[in-house]
Amino acid sequence: MLCKNIAVNPSCQGFSDSGVQEVFPLCTETISVITNDGRNIVGILKGFDQATNIILDESHERVYSTKEGVQQLVLGLYIIRGDNISIVGELDEELDSSLDLSNLRAHPLKPVIH
C-alpha cells in the first residue's frame, strides 16, 4: 500500500496487525531502519504492506566504523523485507542535520542472533 492512499481510502486502516497500524503516522516521514544484519538505512517512508515490508525513497545506508567517520552510501528507492527489520524509528531531521557524521566514530552493529 502506498502511504498517500491512506487518506483517500479509509479501509486501508482495517489491518488487524497492530504493527502495521503503528507505521501509519510515519508515512512520508524520514525514518531510520535497523535491519537484522546490523545495517542502518535512512529514507522517506513511501509505502508498506501487512508483512511490514517497507518502501523507502531517497534512502542511504550509514556505515559506522571506529577508524573513520560515518560513510553514507546512496541507495535511492529501496525495499526492505519485513522479516529483516529489527527497529523502525522516526528521525529527528533537525537534530540529525546538526550532527557531524564525518567525525562520529562507532562500532558497527552486530547481526541479530536467533
PDB file of N, CA and C in Angstrom:
ATOM      1  N   MET A   1       0.847  -1.156   0.000  1.00  0.00           N
ATOM      2  CA  MET A   1       0.000   0.000   0.000  1.00  0.00           C
ATOM      3  C   MET A   1       0.897   1.224   0.000  1.00  0.00           C
ATOM      4  N   LEU A   2       0.528   2.189  -0.791  1.00  0.00           N
ATOM      5  CA  LEU A   2       1.275   3.431  -0.791  1.00  0.00           C
ATOM      6  C   LEU A   2       0.728   4.332   0.292  1.00  0.00           C
ATOM      7  N   CYS A   3       1.580   5.036   0.968  1.00  0.00           N
ATOM      8  CA  CYS A   3       1.169   5.870   2.088  1.00  0.00           C
ATOM      9  C   CYS A   3       0.197   6.962   1.672  1.00  0.00           C
ATOM     10  N   LYS A   4       0.331   7.474   0.445  1.00  0.00           N
ATOM     11  CA  LYS A   4      -0.541   8.566   0.047  1.00  0.00           C
ATOM     12  C   LYS A   4      -1.997   8.124  -0.094  1.00  0.00           C
ATOM     13  N   ASN A   5      -2.253   6.822  -0.194  1.00  0.00           N
ATOM     14  CA  ASN A   5      -3.623   6.328  -0.330  1.00  0.00           C
ATOM     15  C   ASN A   5      -4.360   6.232   1.003  1.00  0.00           C
ATOM     16  N   ILE A   6      -3.687   6.430   2.100  1.00  0.00           N
ATOM     17  CA  ILE A   6      -4.311   6.253   3.411  1.00  0.00           C
ATOM     18  C   ILE A   6      -5.464   7.224   3.614  1.00  0.00           C
ATOM     19  N   ALA A   7      -5.263   8.489   3.283  1.00  0.00           N
ATOM     20  CA  ALA A   7      -6.317   9.482   3.492  1.00  0.00           C
ATOM     21  C   ALA A   7      -7.476   9.274   2.531  1.00  0.00           C
ATOM     22  N   VAL A   8      -7.212   8.761   1.342  1.00  0.00           N
ATOM     23  CA  VAL A   8      -8.249   8.584   0.332  1.00  0.00           C
ATOM     24  C   VAL A   8      -9.087   7.356   0.611  1.00  0.00           C
ATOM     25  N   ASN A   9      -8.466   6.281   1.067  1.00  0.00           N
ATOM     26  CA  ASN A   9      -9.148   5.015   1.257  1.00  0.00           C
ATOM     27  C   ASN A   9      -9.147   4.635   2.735  1.00  0.00           C
ATOM     28  N   PRO A  10     -10.247   4.929   3.461  1.00  0.00           N
ATOM     29  CA  PRO A  10     -10.261   4.632   4.897  1.00  0.00           C
ATOM     30  C   PRO A  10     -10.183   3.148   5.209  1.00  0.00           C
ATOM     31  N   SER A  11     -10.496   2.277   4.249  1.00  0.00           N
ATOM     32  CA  SER A  11     -10.411   0.844   4.521  1.00  0.00           C
ATOM     33  C   SER A  11      -8.967   0.389   4.679  1.00  0.00           C
ATOM     34  N   CYS A  12      -8.000   1.205   4.287  1.00  0.00           N
ATOM     35  CA  CYS A  12      -6.587   0.854   4.444  1.00  0.00           C
ATOM     36  C   CYS A  12      -6.226   0.669   5.907  1.00  0.00           C
ATOM     37  N   GLN A  13      -6.976   1.288   6.818  1.00  0.00           N
ATOM     38  CA  GLN A  13      -6.664   1.186   8.235  1.00  0.00           C
ATOM     39  C   GLN A  13      -7.262  -0.062   8.866  1.00  0.00           C
ATOM     40  N   GLY A  14      -7.856  -0.937   8.069  1.00  0.00           N
ATOM     41  CA  GLY A  14      -8.538  -2.111   8.588  1.00  0.00           C
ATOM     42  C   GLY A  14      -7.656  -3.304   8.856  1.00  0.00           C
ATOM     43  N   PHE A  15      -6.345  -3.177   8.773  1.00  0.00           N
ATOM     44  CA  PHE A  15      -5.475  -4.305   9.029  1.00  0.00           C
ATOM     45  C   PHE A  15      -5.560  -4.715  10.487  1.00  0.00           C
ATOM     46  N   SER A  16      -5.543  -6.015  10.718  1.00  0.00           N
ATOM     47  CA  SER A  16      -5.602  -6.499  12.093  1.00  0.00           C
ATOM     48  C   SER A  16      -4.235  -6.501  12.764  1.00  0.00           C
ATOM     49  N   ASP A  17      -3.179  -6.427  11.978  1.00  0.00           N
ATOM     50  CA  ASP A  17      -1.824  -6.441  12.528  1.00  0.00           C
ATOM     51  C   ASP A  17      -1.511  -5.077  13.143  1.00  0.00           C
ATOM     52  N   SER A  18      -1.374  -5.020  14.456  1.00  0.00           N
ATOM     53  CA  SER A  18      -1.146  -3.735  15.123  1.00  0.00           C
ATOM     54  C   SER A  18       0.189  -3.125  14.729  1.00  0.00           C
ATOM     55  N   GLY A  19       1.176  -3.946  14.362  1.00  0.00           N
ATOM     56  CA  GLY A  19       2.465  -3.418  13.924  1.00  0.00           C
ATOM     57  C   GLY A  19       2.326  -2.568  12.678  1.00  0.00           C
ATOM     58  N   VAL A  20       1.462  -2.983  11.753  1.00  0.00           N
ATOM     59  CA  VAL A  20       1.239  -2.211  10.535  1.00  0.00           C
ATOM     60  C   VAL A  20       0.526  -0.917  10.868  1.00  0.00           C
ATOM     61  N   GLN A  21      -0.450  -0.941  11.778  1.00  0.00           N
ATOM     62  CA  GLN A  21      -1.176   0.269  12.143  1.00  0.00           C
ATOM     63  C   GLN A  21      -0.255   1.292  12.788  1.00  0.00           C
ATOM     64  N   GLU A  22       0.749   0.854  13.498  1.00  0.00           N
ATOM     65  CA  GLU A  22       1.683   1.775  14.149  1.00  0.00           C
ATOM     66  C   GLU A  22       2.568   2.496  13.153  1.00  0.00           C
ATOM     67  N   VAL A  23       2.688   1.987  11.926  1.00  0.00           N
ATOM     68  CA  VAL A  23       3.529   2.603  10.912  1.00  0.00           C
ATOM     69  C   VAL A  23       2.799   3.776  10.235  1.00  0.00           C
ATOM     70  N   PHE A  24       1.466   3.819  10.278  1.00  0.00           N
ATOM     71  CA  PHE A  24       0.696   4.863   9.596  1.00  0.00           C
ATOM     72  C   PHE A  24       1.175   6.277   9.885  1.00  0.00           C
ATOM     73  N   PRO A  25       1.419   6.675  11.132  1.00  0.00           N
ATOM     74  CA  PRO A  25       1.843   8.062  11.386  1.00  0.00           C
ATOM     75  C   PRO A  25       3.191   8.416  10.762  1.00  0.00           C
ATOM     76  N   LEU A  26       3.976   7.436  10.389  1.00  0.00           N
ATOM     77  CA  LEU A  26       5.307   7.697   9.846  1.00  0.00           C
ATOM     78  C   LEU A  26       5.315   7.879   8.331  1.00  0.00           C
ATOM     79  N   CYS A  27       4.160   7.710   7.673  1.00  0.00           N
ATOM     80  CA  CYS A  27       4.114   7.829   6.218  1.00  0.00           C
ATOM     81  C   CYS A  27       4.577   9.211   5.782  1.00  0.00           C
ATOM     82  N   THR A  28       5.424   9.228   4.786  1.00  0.00           N
ATOM     83  CA  THR A  28       6.061  10.415   4.209  1.00  0.00           C
ATOM     84  C   THR A  28       7.044  11.088   5.166  1.00  0.00           C
ATOM     85  N   GLU A  29       7.374  10.464   6.271  1.00  0.00           N
ATOM     86  CA  GLU A  29       8.374  10.990   7.208  1.00  0.00           C
ATOM     87  C   GLU A  29       9.714  10.304   6.947  1.00  0.00           C
ATOM     88  N   THR A  30      10.785  10.955   7.346  1.00  0.00           N
ATOM     89  CA  THR A  30      12.104  10.344   7.267  1.00  0.00           C
ATOM     90  C   THR A  30      12.260   9.398   8.445  1.00  0.00           C
ATOM     91  N   ILE A  31      12.605   8.151   8.142  1.00  0.00           N
ATOM     92  CA  ILE A  31      12.745   7.143   9.195  1.00  0.00           C
ATOM     93  C   ILE A  31      14.127   6.510   9.131  1.00  0.00           C
ATOM     94  N   SER A  32      14.496   5.887  10.236  1.00  0.00           N
ATOM     95  CA  SER A  32      15.728   5.118  10.317  1.00  0.00           C
ATOM     96  C   SER A  32      15.341   3.672  10.588  1.00  0.00           C
ATOM     97  N   VAL A  33      15.909   2.762   9.822  1.00  0.00           N
ATOM     98  CA  VAL A  33      15.602   1.338   9.962  1.00  0.00           C
ATOM     99  C   VAL A  33      16.886   0.595  10.315  1.00  0.00           C
ATOM    100  N   ILE A  34      16.837  -0.184  11.385  1.00  0.00           N
ATOM    101  CA  ILE A  34      17.933  -1.078  11.741  1.00  0.00           C
ATOM    102  C   ILE A  34      17.503  -2.470  11.316  1.00  0.00           C
ATOM    103  N   THR A  35      18.301  -3.101  10.475  1.00  0.00           N
ATOM    104  CA  THR A  35      17.947  -4.436   9.983  1.00  0.00           C
ATOM    105  C   THR A  35      18.567  -5.517  10.870  1.00  0.00           C
ATOM    106  N   ASN A  36      18.096  -6.737  10.692  1.00  0.00           N
ATOM    107  CA  ASN A  36      18.603  -7.856  11.489  1.00  0.00           C
ATOM    108  C   ASN A  36      20.089  -8.112  11.274  1.00  0.00           C
ATOM    109  N   ASP A  37      20.611  -7.711  10.116  1.00  0.00           N
ATOM    110  CA  ASP A  37      22.037  -7.920   9.863  1.00  0.00           C
ATOM    111  C   ASP A  37      22.884  -6.721  10.280  1.00  0.00           C
ATOM    112  N   GLY A  38      22.288  -5.752  11.012  1.00  0.00           N
ATOM    113  CA  GLY A  38      23.038  -4.655  11.603  1.00  0.00           C
ATOM    114  C   GLY A  38      23.211  -3.438  10.724  1.00  0.00           C
ATOM    115  N   ARG A  39      22.456  -3.341   9.642  1.00  0.00           N
ATOM    116  CA  ARG A  39      22.560  -2.172   8.773  1.00  0.00           C
ATOM    117  C   ARG A  39      21.644  -1.063   9.278  1.00  0.00           C
ATOM    118  N   ASN A  40      22.042   0.192   9.041  1.00  0.00           N
ATOM    119  CA  ASN A  40      21.219   1.356   9.393  1.00  0.00           C
ATOM    120  C   ASN A  40      20.872   2.073   8.092  1.00  0.00           C
ATOM    121  N   ILE A  41      19.600   2.022   7.710  1.00  0.00           N
ATOM    122  CA  ILE A  41      19.152   2.609   6.463  1.00  0.00           C
ATOM    123  C   ILE A  41      18.188   3.742   6.785  1.00  0.00           C
ATOM    124  N   VAL A  42      18.437   4.918   6.205  1.00  0.00           N
ATOM    125  CA  VAL A  42      17.632   6.112   6.443  1.00  0.00           C
ATOM    126  C   VAL A  42      16.985   6.517   5.137  1.00  0.00           C
ATOM    127  N   GLY A  43      15.685   6.837   5.186  1.00  0.00           N
ATOM    128  CA  GLY A  43      14.991   7.273   3.981  1.00  0.00           C
ATOM    129  C   GLY A  43      13.584   7.730   4.294  1.00  0.00           C
ATOM    130  N   ILE A  44      12.866   8.164   3.265  1.00  0.00           N
ATOM    131  CA  ILE A  44      11.492   8.629   3.409  1.00  0.00           C
ATOM    132  C   ILE A  44      10.558   7.450   3.168  1.00  0.00           C
ATOM    133  N   LEU A  45       9.700   7.152   4.147  1.00  0.00           N
ATOM    134  CA  LEU A  45       8.764   6.037   4.040  1.00  0.00           C
ATOM    135  C   LEU A  45       7.715   6.356   2.984  1.00  0.00           C
ATOM    136  N   LYS A  46       7.642   5.517   1.957  1.00  0.00           N
ATOM    137  CA  LYS A  46       6.694   5.727   0.864  1.00  0.00           C
ATOM    138  C   LYS A  46       5.582   4.691   0.835  1.00  0.00           C
ATOM    139  N   GLY A  47       5.805   3.533   1.431  1.00  0.00           N
ATOM    140  CA  GLY A  47       4.763   2.508   1.418  1.00  0.00           C
ATOM    141  C   GLY A  47       5.154   1.307   2.253  1.00  0.00           C
ATOM    142  N   PHE A  48       4.146   0.455   2.523  1.00  0.00           N
ATOM    143  CA  PHE A  48       4.354  -0.754   3.309  1.00  0.00           C
ATOM    144  C   PHE A  48       3.180  -1.686   3.080  1.00  0.00           C
ATOM    145  N   ASP A  49       3.286  -2.923   3.556  1.00  0.00           N
ATOM    146  CA  ASP A  49       2.183  -3.873   3.448  1.00  0.00           C
ATOM    147  C   ASP A  49       1.963  -4.579   4.785  1.00  0.00           C
ATOM    148  N   GLN A  50       1.084  -5.593   4.780  1.00  0.00           N
ATOM    149  CA  GLN A  50       0.714  -6.286   6.014  1.00  0.00           C
ATOM    150  C   GLN A  50       1.889  -7.011   6.656  1.00  0.00           C
ATOM    151  N   ALA A  51       2.881  -7.400   5.864  1.00  0.00           N
ATOM    152  CA  ALA A  51       4.055  -8.101   6.400  1.00  0.00           C
ATOM    153  C   ALA A  51       5.134  -7.118   6.835  1.00  0.00           C
ATOM    154  N   THR A  52       4.809  -5.831   6.863  1.00  0.00           N
ATOM    155  CA  THR A  52       5.705  -4.743   7.227  1.00  0.00           C
ATOM    156  C   THR A  52       6.917  -4.657   6.299  1.00  0.00           C
ATOM    157  N   ASN A  53       6.763  -5.145   5.054  1.00  0.00           N
ATOM    158  CA  ASN A  53       7.751  -4.826   4.025  1.00  0.00           C
ATOM    159  C   ASN A  53       7.609  -3.336   3.793  1.00  0.00           C
ATOM    160  N   ILE A  54       8.708  -2.617   3.660  1.00  0.00           N
ATOM    161  CA  ILE A  54       8.608  -1.167   3.510  1.00  0.00           C
ATOM    162  C   ILE A  54       9.352  -0.678   2.272  1.00  0.00           C
ATOM    163  N   ILE A  55       8.876   0.443   1.740  1.00  0.00           N
ATOM    164  CA  ILE A  55       9.497   1.098   0.596  1.00  0.00           C
ATOM    165  C   ILE A  55      10.030   2.438   1.078  1.00  0.00           C
ATOM    166  N   LEU A  56      11.318   2.667   0.870  1.00  0.00           N
ATOM    167  CA  LEU A  56      11.955   3.928   1.234  1.00  0.00           C
ATOM    168  C   LEU A  56      12.397   4.653  -0.030  1.00  0.00           C
ATOM    169  N   ASP A  57      12.235   5.957  -0.046  1.00  0.00           N
ATOM    170  CA  ASP A  57      12.718   6.771  -1.154  1.00  0.00           C
ATOM    171  C   ASP A  57      13.827   7.677  -0.632  1.00  0.00           C
ATOM    172  N   GLU A  58      14.697   8.100  -1.529  1.00  0.00           N
ATOM    173  CA  GLU A  58      15.824   8.962  -1.168  1.00  0.00           C
ATOM    174  C   GLU A  58      16.601   8.371   0.010  1.00  0.00           C
ATOM    175  N   SER A  59      16.835   7.074  -0.056  1.00  0.00           N
ATOM    176  CA  SER A  59      17.454   6.392   1.084  1.00  0.00           C
ATOM    177  C   SER A  59      18.970   6.296   0.943  1.00  0.00           C
ATOM    178  N   HIS A  60      19.597   6.111   2.090  1.00  0.00           N
ATOM    179  CA  HIS A  60      21.033   5.878   2.151  1.00  0.00           C
ATOM    180  C   HIS A  60      21.336   4.994   3.355  1.00  0.00           C
ATOM    181  N   GLU A  61      22.436   4.272   3.245  1.00  0.00           N
ATOM    182  CA  GLU A  61      22.886   3.433   4.354  1.00  0.00           C
ATOM    183  C   GLU A  61      24.011   4.148   5.073  1.00  0.00           C
ATOM    184  N   ARG A  62      23.949   4.136   6.382  1.00  0.00           N
ATOM    185  CA  ARG A  62      25.025   4.708   7.196  1.00  0.00           C
ATOM    186  C   ARG A  62      25.903   3.566   7.685  1.00  0.00           C
ATOM    187  N   VAL A  63      27.170   3.638   7.306  1.00  0.00           N
ATOM    188  CA  VAL A  63      28.135   2.596   7.670  1.00  0.00           C
ATOM    189  C   VAL A  63      29.057   3.165   8.737  1.00  0.00           C
ATOM    190  N   TYR A  64      29.043   2.555   9.921  1.00  0.00           N
ATOM    191  CA  TYR A  64      29.819   3.036  11.060  1.00  0.00           C
ATOM    192  C   TYR A  64      31.150   2.308  11.150  1.00  0.00           C
ATOM    193  N   SER A  65      32.149   3.027  11.664  1.00  0.00           N
ATOM    194  CA  SER A  65      33.492   2.474  11.810  1.00  0.00           C
ATOM    195  C   SER A  65      34.160   3.159  13.004  1.00  0.00           C
ATOM    196  N   THR A  66      35.061   2.436  13.653  1.00  0.00           N
ATOM    197  CA  THR A  66      35.813   3.033  14.760  1.00  0.00           C
ATOM    198  C   THR A  66      37.041   3.782  14.252  1.00  0.00           C
ATOM    199  N   LYS A  67      37.394   3.600  12.977  1.00  0.00           N
ATOM    200  CA  LYS A  67      38.611   4.197  12.428  1.00  0.00           C
ATOM    201  C   LYS A  67      38.358   5.463  11.621  1.00  0.00           C
ATOM    202  N   GLU A  68      37.180   5.596  11.046  1.00  0.00           N
ATOM    203  CA  GLU A  68      36.867   6.773  10.239  1.00  0.00           C
ATOM    204  C   GLU A  68      35.413   7.167  10.475  1.00  0.00           C
ATOM    205  N   GLY A  69      35.021   8.333   9.974  1.00  0.00           N
ATOM    206  CA  GLY A  69      33.655   8.819  10.167  1.00  0.00           C
ATOM    207  C   GLY A  69      32.623   7.943   9.476  1.00  0.00           C
ATOM    208  N   VAL A  70      31.376   8.268   9.710  1.00  0.00           N
ATOM    209  CA  VAL A  70      30.264   7.519   9.132  1.00  0.00           C
ATOM    210  C   VAL A  70      30.238   7.741   7.626  1.00  0.00           C
ATOM    211  N   GLN A  71      30.205   6.655   6.881  1.00  0.00           N
ATOM    212  CA  GLN A  71      30.056   6.732   5.430  1.00  0.00           C
ATOM    213  C   GLN A  71      28.574   6.621   5.101  1.00  0.00           C
ATOM    214  N   GLN A  72      28.117   7.388   4.124  1.00  0.00           N
ATOM    215  CA  GLN A  72      26.724   7.308   3.688  1.00  0.00           C
ATOM    216  C   GLN A  72      26.695   6.820   2.247  1.00  0.00           C
ATOM    217  N   LEU A  73      26.160   5.628   2.056  1.00  0.00           N
ATOM    218  CA  LEU A  73      26.067   5.015   0.735  1.00  0.00           C
ATOM    219  C   LEU A  73      24.675   5.266   0.171  1.00  0.00           C
ATOM    220  N   VAL A  74      24.591   5.942  -0.953  1.00  0.00           N
ATOM    221  CA  VAL A  74      23.302   6.284  -1.558  1.00  0.00           C
ATOM    222  C   VAL A  74      22.652   5.026  -2.122  1.00  0.00           C
ATOM    223  N   LEU A  75      21.384   4.789  -1.746  1.00  0.00           N
ATOM    224  CA  LEU A  75      20.634   3.629  -2.213  1.00  0.00           C
ATOM    225  C   LEU A  75      19.470   4.029  -3.130  1.00  0.00           C
ATOM    226  N   GLY A  76      18.940   5.230  -2.960  1.00  0.00           N
ATOM    227  CA  GLY A  76      17.793   5.679  -3.766  1.00  0.00           C
ATOM    228  C   GLY A  76      16.507   5.023  -3.292  1.00  0.00           C
ATOM    229  N   LEU A  77      15.694   4.541  -4.231  1.00  0.00           N
ATOM    230  CA  LEU A  77      14.459   3.830  -3.893  1.00  0.00           C
ATOM    231  C   LEU A  77      14.843   2.440  -3.408  1.00  0.00           C
ATOM    232  N   TYR A  78      14.372   2.044  -2.220  1.00  0.00           N
ATOM    233  CA  TYR A  78      14.863   0.822  -1.593  1.00  0.00           C
ATOM    234  C   TYR A  78      13.717   0.101  -0.907  1.00  0.00           C
ATOM    235  N   ILE A  79      13.684  -1.206  -1.040  1.00  0.00           N
ATOM    236  CA  ILE A  79      12.653  -2.037  -0.403  1.00  0.00           C
ATOM    237  C   ILE A  79      13.321  -2.924   0.631  1.00  0.00           C
ATOM    238  N   ILE A  80      12.741  -2.970   1.830  1.00  0.00           N
ATOM    239  CA  ILE A  80      13.261  -3.819   2.897  1.00  0.00           C
ATOM    240  C   ILE A  80      12.166  -4.801   3.298  1.00  0.00           C
ATOM    241  N   ARG A  81      12.502  -6.084   3.283  1.00  0.00           N
ATOM    242  CA  ARG A  81      11.530  -7.111   3.690  1.00  0.00           C
ATOM    243  C   ARG A  81      11.240  -6.992   5.184  1.00  0.00           C
ATOM    244  N   GLY A  82       9.984  -7.173   5.530  1.00  0.00           N
ATOM    245  CA  GLY A  82       9.552  -7.041   6.917  1.00  0.00           C
ATOM    246  C   GLY A  82      10.247  -7.983   7.870  1.00  0.00           C
ATOM    247  N   ASP A  83      10.572  -9.203   7.416  1.00  0.00           N
ATOM    248  CA  ASP A  83      11.228 -10.153   8.313  1.00  0.00           C
ATOM    249  C   ASP A  83      12.698  -9.833   8.536  1.00  0.00           C
ATOM    250  N   ASN A  84      13.215  -8.799   7.858  1.00  0.00           N
ATOM    251  CA  ASN A  84      14.598  -8.379   8.066  1.00  0.00           C
ATOM    252  C   ASN A  84      14.692  -7.090   8.885  1.00  0.00           C
ATOM    253  N   ILE A  85      13.563  -6.599   9.387  1.00  0.00           N
ATOM    254  CA  ILE A  85      13.545  -5.337  10.128  1.00  0.00           C
ATOM    255  C   ILE A  85      13.585  -5.611  11.629  1.00  0.00           C
ATOM    256  N   SER A  86      14.536  -4.966  12.318  1.00  0.00           N
ATOM    257  CA  SER A  86      14.597  -5.052  13.783  1.00  0.00           C
ATOM    258  C   SER A  86      13.909  -3.865  14.425  1.00  0.00           C
ATOM    259  N   ILE A  87      14.243  -2.652  13.956  1.00  0.00           N
ATOM    260  CA  ILE A  87      13.716  -1.421  14.561  1.00  0.00           C
ATOM    261  C   ILE A  87      13.391  -0.416  13.470  1.00  0.00           C
ATOM    262  N   VAL A  88      12.251   0.264  13.621  1.00  0.00           N
ATOM    263  CA  VAL A  88      11.893   1.392  12.764  1.00  0.00           C
ATOM    264  C   VAL A  88      11.647   2.577  13.679  1.00  0.00           C
ATOM    265  N   GLY A  89      12.260   3.700  13.370  1.00  0.00           N
ATOM    266  CA  GLY A  89      12.055   4.888  14.191  1.00  0.00           C
ATOM    267  C   GLY A  89      12.053   6.149  13.356  1.00  0.00           C
ATOM    268  N   GLU A  90      11.272   7.125  13.804  1.00  0.00           N
ATOM    269  CA  GLU A  90      11.244   8.413  13.126  1.00  0.00           C
ATOM    270  C   GLU A  90      12.545   9.154  13.406  1.00  0.00           C
ATOM    271  N   LEU A  91      13.083   9.803  12.390  1.00  0.00           N
ATOM    272  CA  LEU A  91      14.341  10.529  12.514  1.00  0.00           C
ATOM    273  C   LEU A  91      14.044  12.000  12.778  1.00  0.00           C
ATOM    274  N   ASP A  92      14.647  12.554  13.811  1.00  0.00           N
ATOM    275  CA  ASP A  92      14.531  13.987  14.086  1.00  0.00           C
ATOM    276  C   ASP A  92      15.470  14.696  13.120  1.00  0.00           C
ATOM    277  N   GLU A  93      14.916  15.251  12.043  1.00  0.00           N
ATOM    278  CA  GLU A  93      15.747  15.820  10.980  1.00  0.00           C
ATOM    279  C   GLU A  93      16.558  17.020  11.452  1.00  0.00           C
ATOM    280  N   GLU A  94      16.024  17.805  12.368  1.00  0.00           N
ATOM    281  CA  GLU A  94      16.760  18.968  12.887  1.00  0.00           C
ATOM    282  C   GLU A  94      17.994  18.508  13.663  1.00  0.00           C
ATOM    283  N   LEU A  95      17.802  17.548  14.550  1.00  0.00           N
ATOM    284  CA  LEU A  95      18.918  17.009  15.325  1.00  0.00           C
ATOM    285  C   LEU A  95      19.914  16.290  14.418  1.00  0.00           C
ATOM    286  N   ASP A  96      19.399  15.516  13.463  1.00  0.00           N
ATOM    287  CA  ASP A  96      20.260  14.768  12.561  1.00  0.00           C
ATOM    288  C   ASP A  96      21.129  15.699  11.713  1.00  0.00           C
ATOM    289  N   SER A  97      20.561  16.812  11.251  1.00  0.00           N
ATOM    290  CA  SER A  97      21.330  17.739  10.416  1.00  0.00           C
ATOM    291  C   SER A  97      22.420  18.466  11.215  1.00  0.00           C
ATOM    292  N   SER A  98      22.260  18.517  12.540  1.00  0.00           N
ATOM    293  CA  SER A  98      23.268  19.187  13.368  1.00  0.00           C
ATOM    294  C   SER A  98      24.457  18.268  13.699  1.00  0.00           C
ATOM    295  N   LEU A  99      24.332  16.973  13.418  1.00  0.00           N
ATOM    296  CA  LEU A  99      25.413  16.023  13.698  1.00  0.00           C
ATOM    297  C   LEU A  99      26.486  16.108  12.618  1.00  0.00           C
ATOM    298  N   ASP A 100      27.731  16.029  13.023  1.00  0.00           N
ATOM    299  CA  ASP A 100      28.842  15.959  12.078  1.00  0.00           C
ATOM    300  C   ASP A 100      29.223  14.486  11.934  1.00  0.00           C
ATOM    301  N   LEU A 101      28.590  13.809  10.971  1.00  0.00           N
ATOM    302  CA  LEU A 101      28.797  12.374  10.814  1.00  0.00           C
ATOM    303  C   LEU A 101      30.228  12.023  10.418  1.00  0.00           C
ATOM    304  N   SER A 102      30.947  12.971   9.814  1.00  0.00           N
ATOM    305  CA  SER A 102      32.321  12.675   9.402  1.00  0.00           C
ATOM    306  C   SER A 102      33.254  12.527  10.602  1.00  0.00           C
ATOM    307  N   ASN A 103      32.878  13.058  11.754  1.00  0.00           N
ATOM    308  CA  ASN A 103      33.696  12.924  12.965  1.00  0.00           C
ATOM    309  C   ASN A 103      33.147  11.894  13.947  1.00  0.00           C
ATOM    310  N   LEU A 104      32.024  11.291  13.629  1.00  0.00           N
ATOM    311  CA  LEU A 104      31.387  10.318  14.522  1.00  0.00           C
ATOM    312  C   LEU A 104      32.021   8.942  14.334  1.00  0.00           C
ATOM    313  N   ARG A 105      32.476   8.342  15.428  1.00  0.00           N
ATOM    314  CA  ARG A 105      33.071   7.006  15.398  1.00  0.00           C
ATOM    315  C   ARG A 105      32.201   6.079  16.238  1.00  0.00           C
ATOM    316  N   ALA A 106      31.972   4.884  15.728  1.00  0.00           N
ATOM    317  CA  ALA A 106      31.169   3.897  16.468  1.00  0.00           C
ATOM    318  C   ALA A 106      31.448   2.515  15.923  1.00  0.00           C
ATOM    319  N   HIS A 107      31.267   1.515  16.774  1.00  0.00           N
ATOM    320  CA  HIS A 107      31.383   0.127  16.325  1.00  0.00           C
ATOM    321  C   HIS A 107      30.182  -0.206  15.448  1.00  0.00           C
ATOM    322  N   PRO A 108      30.381  -0.939  14.362  1.00  0.00           N
ATOM    323  CA  PRO A 108      29.243  -1.393  13.578  1.00  0.00           C
ATOM    324  C   PRO A 108      28.345  -2.285  14.424  1.00  0.00           C
ATOM    325  N   LEU A 109      27.041  -2.274  14.137  1.00  0.00           N
ATOM    326  CA  LEU A 109      26.111  -3.125  14.875  1.00  0.00           C
ATOM    327  C   LEU A 109      26.331  -4.585  14.484  1.00  0.00           C
ATOM    328  N   LYS A 110      26.158  -5.469  15.437  1.00  0.00           N
ATOM    329  CA  LYS A 110      26.280  -6.894  15.172  1.00  0.00           C
ATOM    330  C   LYS A 110      24.920  -7.415  14.717  1.00  0.00           C
ATOM    331  N   PRO A 111      24.918  -8.487  13.932  1.00  0.00           N
ATOM    332  CA  PRO A 111      23.634  -9.068  13.491  1.00  0.00           C
ATOM    333  C   PRO A 111      22.841  -9.633  14.654  1.00  0.00           C
ATOM    334  N   VAL A 112      21.522  -9.682  14.466  1.00  0.00           N
ATOM    335  CA  VAL A 112      20.638 -10.303  15.460  1.00  0.00           C
ATOM    336  C   VAL A 112      20.846 -11.808  15.381  1.00  0.00           C
ATOM    337  N   ILE A 113      21.012 -12.444  16.538  1.00  0.00           N
ATOM    338  CA  ILE A 113      21.177 -13.900  16.592  1.00  0.00           C
ATOM    339  C   ILE A 113      19.909 -14.495  17.153  1.00  0.00           C
ATOM    340  N   HIS A 114      19.305 -15.406  16.397  1.00  0.00           N
ATOM    341  CA  HIS A 114      18.045 -16.042  16.839  1.00  0.00           C
ATOM    342  C   HIS A 114      18.313 -17.338  17.539  1.00  0.00           C
TER     343      HIS A 114
END
